[in-house]
Amino acid sequence: MGEPRKRALTRDDLLMAWLDAQRYAGAHVDLETFHTRRLAAMETAFLVDLRQGPRSLPEGLPVWLVESMPEHMRSGLAGGRNPAALQRLFLRATDWLLKSGSAFGGYLEAPPLVAALYQRHRDALDEAAEAVRRGHRALLLDLLELLWGLDAETRVDRARVVAAGFDPDEREPEPEDYW
């Protein structure tokens, strides 16, 4: 095993912990426990609860959002900052990101006609699924900023995650060992 990482953790690390905890919910207990522990420690270190959402939104709006909004939409912002609506979008975007794939995903060994169709459509479906994942990931990162104020510059010291009960250098169980 290599030298432990020394860098601080970012909202990208938090998002990956969130997605993995959702992905492995209901999987083998070793996988589910590892990812649940990692997420709980990351949430504690970042002072967030991604499942529940915040009671109120951070003050102000990111410049990137305000500048991208048409003028007529900006005037309605004062009364339209509903954390519950954004939290629902966060949960929906998570579900859609995790569902993205293709109709061929369930086959271990496909009949010849299905295999031929897979060969014909694989590239287009793979590209579309990857575009959907990228789009939803970007949306989730924006929502982390809007809901909890976690922008791209937000960092959490690894020691805070360790103090919350998880060592970021802990080796992740291999999913292939459990299927």
Protein backbone atom coordinates (compact mmCIF):
# COMPACT_ATOMS: atom_id res chain seq x y z
CA MET A 1 0.00 0.00 0.00
CA GLY A 2 1.30 3.47 -0.87
CA GLU A 3 1.90 6.46 1.34
CA PRO A 4 -1.30 7.93 2.85
CA ARG A 5 -2.76 10.96 1.13
CA LYS A 6 -1.98 14.21 2.91
CA ARG A 7 -4.43 16.54 1.22
CA ALA A 8 -7.53 18.03 2.75
CA LEU A 9 -10.91 16.64 1.73
CA THR A 10 -13.24 18.57 -0.59
CA ARG A 11 -16.92 18.63 -1.42
CA ASP A 12 -16.05 16.22 -4.26
CA ASP A 13 -14.94 13.69 -1.63
CA LEU A 14 -18.15 14.32 0.31
CA LEU A 15 -20.24 13.82 -2.82
CA MET A 16 -18.44 10.57 -3.65
CA ALA A 17 -19.05 9.33 -0.08
CA TRP A 18 -22.74 10.25 -0.45
CA LEU A 19 -23.11 8.49 -3.80
CA ASP A 20 -21.27 5.38 -2.62
CA ALA A 21 -23.42 5.17 0.52
CA GLN A 22 -26.53 5.28 -1.68
CA ARG A 23 -25.06 2.83 -4.21
CA TYR A 24 -24.16 0.24 -1.55
CA ALA A 25 -27.25 0.62 0.65
CA GLY A 26 -28.63 -2.89 0.98
CA ALA A 27 -25.44 -4.53 -0.35
CA HIS A 28 -23.31 -6.94 1.67
CA VAL A 29 -23.00 -5.71 5.25
CA ASP A 30 -19.24 -5.06 4.88
CA LEU A 31 -19.78 -2.78 1.88
CA GLU A 32 -22.79 -1.02 3.34
CA THR A 33 -21.12 -0.48 6.72
CA PHE A 34 -17.90 0.89 5.23
CA HIS A 35 -19.71 3.42 3.05
CA THR A 36 -22.20 4.39 5.76
CA ARG A 37 -19.36 5.02 8.24
CA ARG A 38 -17.42 7.04 5.69
CA LEU A 39 -20.44 9.20 4.85
CA ALA A 40 -21.34 9.77 8.52
CA ALA A 41 -17.79 10.93 9.32
CA MET A 42 -17.64 13.16 6.24
CA GLU A 43 -21.01 14.73 7.08
CA THR A 44 -19.82 15.37 10.64
CA ALA A 45 -16.58 16.93 9.42
CA PHE A 46 -18.38 19.13 6.86
CA LEU A 47 -21.18 19.95 9.36
CA VAL A 48 -23.97 18.78 7.03
CA ASP A 49 -26.73 16.16 6.89
CA LEU A 50 -27.21 15.34 3.22
CA ARG A 51 -30.30 13.17 3.74
CA GLN A 52 -32.23 15.78 5.76
CA GLY A 53 -31.00 19.00 4.24
CA PRO A 54 -30.55 22.35 5.95
CA ARG A 55 -33.29 24.25 7.79
CA SER A 56 -32.30 27.42 5.96
CA LEU A 57 -30.09 28.33 3.04
CA PRO A 58 -26.75 30.11 3.36
CA GLU A 59 -26.86 33.89 2.97
CA GLY A 60 -26.46 35.25 -0.54
CA LEU A 61 -26.29 33.38 -3.80
CA PRO A 62 -23.25 32.29 -5.76
CA VAL A 63 -22.21 34.78 -8.43
CA TRP A 64 -22.24 32.05 -11.09
CA LEU A 65 -25.94 31.46 -10.42
CA VAL A 66 -27.05 35.09 -10.31
CA GLU A 67 -25.14 35.93 -13.48
CA SER A 68 -26.69 33.00 -15.33
CA MET A 69 -30.27 33.96 -14.40
CA PRO A 70 -32.46 36.12 -16.64
CA GLU A 71 -33.36 39.43 -14.98
CA HIS A 72 -37.05 38.54 -14.58
CA MET A 73 -36.09 35.49 -12.47
CA ARG A 74 -33.80 37.45 -10.14
CA SER A 75 -36.62 39.58 -8.78
CA GLY A 76 -38.42 36.53 -7.39
CA LEU A 77 -35.45 35.24 -5.41
CA ALA A 78 -36.24 37.02 -2.17
CA GLY A 79 -39.25 34.82 -1.37
CA GLY A 80 -38.32 31.80 -3.46
CA ARG A 81 -35.43 30.31 -1.51
CA ASN A 82 -37.00 27.07 -0.38
CA PRO A 83 -34.48 24.57 1.04
CA ALA A 84 -37.04 21.73 0.93
CA ALA A 85 -37.49 22.10 -2.84
CA LEU A 86 -33.71 22.12 -3.38
CA GLN A 87 -33.30 19.11 -1.06
CA ARG A 88 -35.88 17.16 -3.08
CA LEU A 89 -33.95 18.05 -6.23
CA PHE A 90 -30.72 16.88 -4.55
CA LEU A 91 -32.29 13.49 -3.73
CA ARG A 92 -33.83 13.16 -7.21
CA ALA A 93 -30.54 14.03 -8.92
CA THR A 94 -28.82 11.39 -6.77
CA ASP A 95 -31.36 8.77 -7.85
CA TRP A 96 -31.05 9.68 -11.52
CA LEU A 97 -27.25 9.64 -11.43
CA LEU A 98 -27.24 6.20 -9.82
CA LYS A 99 -29.84 4.85 -12.27
CA SER A 100 -28.02 6.01 -15.39
CA GLY A 101 -26.97 3.12 -17.56
CA SER A 102 -28.54 1.18 -20.37
CA ALA A 103 -31.14 -1.50 -20.94
CA PHE A 104 -28.29 -3.99 -21.45
CA GLY A 105 -26.98 -3.58 -17.90
CA GLY A 106 -28.77 -6.62 -16.49
CA TYR A 107 -27.31 -9.23 -18.81
CA LEU A 108 -24.53 -11.54 -17.73
CA GLU A 109 -24.74 -13.67 -20.88
CA ALA A 110 -27.11 -12.37 -23.49
CA PRO A 111 -28.78 -14.37 -26.24
CA PRO A 112 -27.15 -13.84 -29.67
CA LEU A 113 -29.73 -11.31 -30.92
CA VAL A 114 -29.44 -9.24 -27.73
CA ALA A 115 -25.64 -9.42 -28.00
CA ALA A 116 -25.82 -8.20 -31.62
CA LEU A 117 -28.06 -5.29 -30.60
CA TYR A 118 -25.65 -4.49 -27.81
CA GLN A 119 -22.75 -4.35 -30.26
CA ARG A 120 -24.77 -2.06 -32.53
CA HIS A 121 -25.94 0.40 -29.83
CA ARG A 122 -23.31 0.11 -27.06
CA ASP A 123 -21.24 3.17 -27.92
CA ALA A 124 -24.19 5.55 -28.25
CA LEU A 125 -25.81 4.29 -25.05
CA ASP A 126 -22.54 4.41 -23.11
CA GLU A 127 -21.89 8.00 -24.26
CA ALA A 128 -25.43 9.07 -23.36
CA ALA A 129 -25.24 7.44 -19.92
CA GLU A 130 -21.89 9.11 -19.22
CA ALA A 131 -23.30 12.51 -20.25
CA VAL A 132 -26.26 11.98 -17.88
CA ARG A 133 -23.89 11.07 -15.03
CA ARG A 134 -21.68 14.12 -15.67
CA GLY A 135 -24.70 16.44 -15.81
CA HIS A 136 -26.22 15.11 -12.59
CA ARG A 137 -22.86 15.20 -10.81
CA ALA A 138 -22.43 18.86 -11.77
CA LEU A 139 -25.98 19.56 -10.57
CA LEU A 140 -25.26 17.83 -7.25
CA LEU A 141 -22.11 19.92 -6.75
CA ASP A 142 -24.12 23.10 -7.42
CA LEU A 143 -26.74 21.94 -4.92
CA LEU A 144 -24.04 21.30 -2.29
CA GLU A 145 -23.14 24.96 -2.67
CA LEU A 146 -26.71 26.26 -2.68
CA LEU A 147 -27.95 24.12 0.21
CA TRP A 148 -24.91 24.02 2.50
CA GLY A 149 -22.54 26.70 1.18
CA LEU A 150 -19.93 24.12 0.14
CA ASP A 151 -18.21 25.74 -2.83
CA ALA A 152 -15.28 24.38 -4.83
CA GLU A 153 -12.82 25.99 -2.39
CA THR A 154 -14.29 24.34 0.73
CA ARG A 155 -11.78 22.06 2.44
CA VAL A 156 -11.92 19.90 5.57
CA ASP A 157 -8.80 18.65 7.28
CA ARG A 158 -8.45 14.88 7.21
CA ALA A 159 -7.97 14.93 11.00
CA ARG A 160 -11.59 16.10 11.39
CA VAL A 161 -12.81 13.07 9.46
CA VAL A 162 -10.64 10.77 11.57
CA ALA A 163 -11.95 12.44 14.75
CA ALA A 164 -15.48 11.78 13.46
CA GLY A 165 -14.75 8.06 13.31
CA PHE A 166 -13.36 7.24 9.87
CA ASP A 167 -9.82 7.10 8.52
CA PRO A 168 -9.86 8.29 4.88
CA ASP A 169 -6.86 6.03 4.22
CA GLU A 170 -8.81 2.94 5.30
CA ARG A 171 -8.89 0.42 2.49
CA GLU A 172 -12.27 0.17 0.83
CA PRO A 173 -13.71 -3.34 0.49
CA GLU A 174 -13.67 -4.65 -3.07
CA PRO A 175 -17.28 -4.98 -4.30
CA GLU A 176 -16.30 -7.88 -6.56
CA ASP A 177 -15.42 -9.90 -3.44
CA TYR A 178 -19.07 -9.83 -2.36
CA TRP A 179 -21.05 -10.67 -5.47
